[in-house]
Amino acid sequence: MKSKASIKSHPLHPILVTFPIAFYIGTLLFDALAVFFGDGGFSITGKYMHISGIVGAVLAAIPGVIDYLSVVPPESSAKKRGATHGLINASVLFIFAIALYLKYWVDINPYIILLIELIGVTLTFVAGWMGGTLVYRNQIGVDIRYAGAGKWKELHITENTGPFEVCNTNELDVDQMKLIHTKNQRIVIARTDNGYVAFEDRCSHKGGSLAGGAMICGTVQCPWHGSQFDVKTGEVKAGPAKDSIKTYEVKEAGGKVFLII
């Protein structure tokens, strides 16, 4: 599930999040040093880190929101995890914004500020853990190019009625897949040894994107937990999934492949 906010397939969100994480931790560290040693230099450094952390968080959120809306599979465990990840990060941004206001515009005990910042840093670690799960387990933002599959292919269809032309008959190699976005569905077009097939892009187990998995000998495997499905009938060939996936009719004519839904 390749990132939509990327440079040469490298997602921007993981790059940018390192800045607010570092600045949030630096803010807590230097504010603590300023309180314990009464050194104004530590306080000034903490102030600049505080402001930089807030700005960095806003910048990092932009590609994160783009990928959440356009890349994370709908109705999946990753969608819920991504929403929680985003809400926690937004809460951290709010916490540090409040801490900045209290620190410089309200006469308040500095230890209370440190406590607020500590809560913010702790939540940052929680959000970071969830972000790592989204990447390393759910493969969000990963540009998958397994052997023989070629580059990730997608097509957005805006028409309301079909049949829909989705590719040329020679566009895909055997065992290669292409993700089709209609107005209401995500459907995978795939080429097998016996021709083209189409099936829904949602594993019945946790909602993983099957277009991001691997296909061989008429079987597609979900990249999240390894469930396998027959691409022609949709039947489960290996768990943990228990329910089959929906398949669609495909026709080839005039060197074109048409999806009928």
Foldseek 3Di string as FASTA:
>chain_A
DAQPCDDPLHHPLVVLLVLLLVLLVLLLVLLVVCVVVVDVVSVVSSLVSLVRNLVSLVVSVVSLVRLLVPPPFPQFPLNVLSVVLSVLSVVLSVLSVVLSCCVPPNPDDSVVSSVSSVVSSVSSVVSVVSVCCCCPQLVRNPFDDPPQQDGAAEEEDEDDADQDFDWFQPPGDAFYWYWYHYPPFIKIWHAHPVGIWIWGQAQQPGGHGQNRFTDDPQWTFGRRPTWIARRHCQHTPDDPGDDGTGIFDWDDDPRTITTHD
